[in-house]
Protein backbone atom coordinates (compact mmCIF):
# COMPACT_ATOMS: atom_id res chain seq x y z
CA UNK A 1 5.11 -40.01 -11.99
CA UNK A 2 5.83 -41.86 -8.74
CA UNK A 3 9.33 -42.41 -7.42
CA UNK A 4 10.95 -44.40 -4.64
CA UNK A 5 13.81 -43.96 -2.21
CA UNK A 6 15.22 -47.22 -0.90
CA UNK A 7 17.87 -48.69 1.35
CA UNK A 8 19.58 -51.95 0.40
CA UNK A 9 21.76 -54.17 2.56
CA UNK A 10 24.68 -55.39 0.51
CA UNK A 11 26.46 -58.73 0.89
CA UNK A 12 29.25 -57.02 2.84
CA UNK A 13 26.65 -55.65 5.33
CA UNK A 14 27.02 -52.08 4.05
CA UNK A 15 23.99 -50.00 3.12
CA UNK A 16 23.21 -48.47 -0.24
CA UNK A 17 20.69 -45.64 -0.57
CA UNK A 18 19.15 -44.97 -3.96
CA UNK A 19 16.13 -43.60 -5.78
CA UNK A 20 14.25 -44.60 -8.89
CA UNK A 21 11.24 -43.82 -11.05
CA UNK A 22 11.03 -47.47 -12.06
CA UNK A 23 9.06 -50.19 -10.35
CA UNK A 24 10.99 -50.89 -7.18
CA UNK A 25 11.18 -54.64 -7.81
CA UNK A 26 12.71 -54.00 -11.24
CA UNK A 27 15.32 -51.67 -9.77
CA UNK A 28 16.35 -54.21 -7.12
CA UNK A 29 16.63 -56.87 -9.84
CA UNK A 30 18.93 -54.52 -11.79
CA UNK A 31 21.16 -54.14 -8.73
CA UNK A 32 21.28 -57.91 -8.21
CA UNK A 33 22.05 -58.61 -11.87
CA UNK A 34 25.06 -56.29 -11.82
CA UNK A 35 23.55 -54.34 -14.71
CA UNK A 36 23.87 -51.01 -12.92
CA UNK A 37 27.53 -51.27 -12.03
CA UNK A 38 28.72 -48.86 -9.37
CA UNK A 39 28.70 -49.50 -5.64
CA UNK A 40 26.42 -52.54 -5.52
CA UNK A 41 27.97 -54.47 -8.40
CA UNK A 42 30.76 -55.97 -6.31
CA UNK A 43 28.55 -56.25 -3.21
CA UNK A 44 25.81 -58.56 -4.48
CA UNK A 45 23.38 -59.90 -3.59
CA UNK A 46 21.48 -56.96 -2.19
CA UNK A 47 18.32 -57.07 -0.07
CA UNK A 48 15.70 -54.35 0.17
CA UNK A 49 15.36 -53.16 3.78
CA UNK A 50 13.30 -49.99 3.45
CA UNK A 51 11.53 -47.88 0.85
CA UNK A 52 9.30 -44.85 0.65
CA UNK A 53 7.08 -43.76 -2.24
CA UNK A 54 7.01 -40.14 -3.42
CA UNK A 55 4.70 -38.43 -5.90
CA UNK A 56 7.56 -36.44 -7.43
CA UNK A 57 11.10 -37.53 -8.34
CA UNK A 58 12.48 -34.25 -7.01
CA UNK A 59 11.14 -35.08 -3.54
CA UNK A 60 12.62 -38.58 -3.77
CA UNK A 61 16.03 -37.21 -4.76
CA UNK A 62 15.94 -34.74 -1.87
CA UNK A 63 15.19 -37.57 0.59
CA UNK A 64 17.85 -39.81 -0.97
CA UNK A 65 20.52 -37.14 -0.51
CA UNK A 66 19.41 -36.54 3.07
CA UNK A 67 19.51 -40.24 4.03
CA UNK A 68 22.87 -40.78 2.30
CA UNK A 69 24.36 -38.26 4.72
CA UNK A 70 23.09 -40.07 7.81
CA UNK A 71 25.23 -42.21 10.09
CA UNK A 72 24.57 -45.95 10.08
CA UNK A 73 22.67 -45.91 13.39
CA UNK A 74 20.23 -43.32 12.07
CA UNK A 75 19.63 -45.33 8.88
CA UNK A 76 18.98 -48.40 11.03
CA UNK A 77 16.40 -46.51 13.10
CA UNK A 78 14.64 -45.50 9.87
CA UNK A 79 14.70 -49.11 8.66
CA UNK A 80 13.14 -50.24 11.96
CA UNK A 81 10.48 -47.54 11.67
CA UNK A 82 11.64 -45.76 14.82
CA UNK A 83 10.91 -42.29 13.47
CA UNK A 84 10.64 -40.78 16.94
CA UNK A 85 14.37 -41.33 17.62
CA UNK A 86 15.62 -39.76 14.38
CA UNK A 87 15.88 -36.21 15.81
CA UNK A 88 18.02 -37.41 18.72
CA UNK A 89 20.28 -39.33 16.34
CA UNK A 90 20.68 -36.20 14.25
CA UNK A 91 22.23 -34.32 17.17
CA UNK A 92 25.97 -34.12 16.94
CA UNK A 93 27.86 -36.05 19.57
CA UNK A 94 29.89 -33.94 21.97
CA UNK A 95 33.58 -34.74 22.28
């Protein structure tokens, strides 16, 4: 069964990263309805910025966890499709 990882922009300009086995449009509608509760409920409406399809939910969950740990600038590069800059953004900044 197919699965998706997605990034939403919330009304407060924060990002939410999630995954689902459902049709992506249905999942976004659930976020916007407030049905899901949690982080997005008080930050509606949400807008889909990026998604990726996976053949297996386990792969989607792995990617979701990875992206959730990224800094905002790295998420924004992914959203823009700038995959070539992701390794440089992963490098820790020196103090």
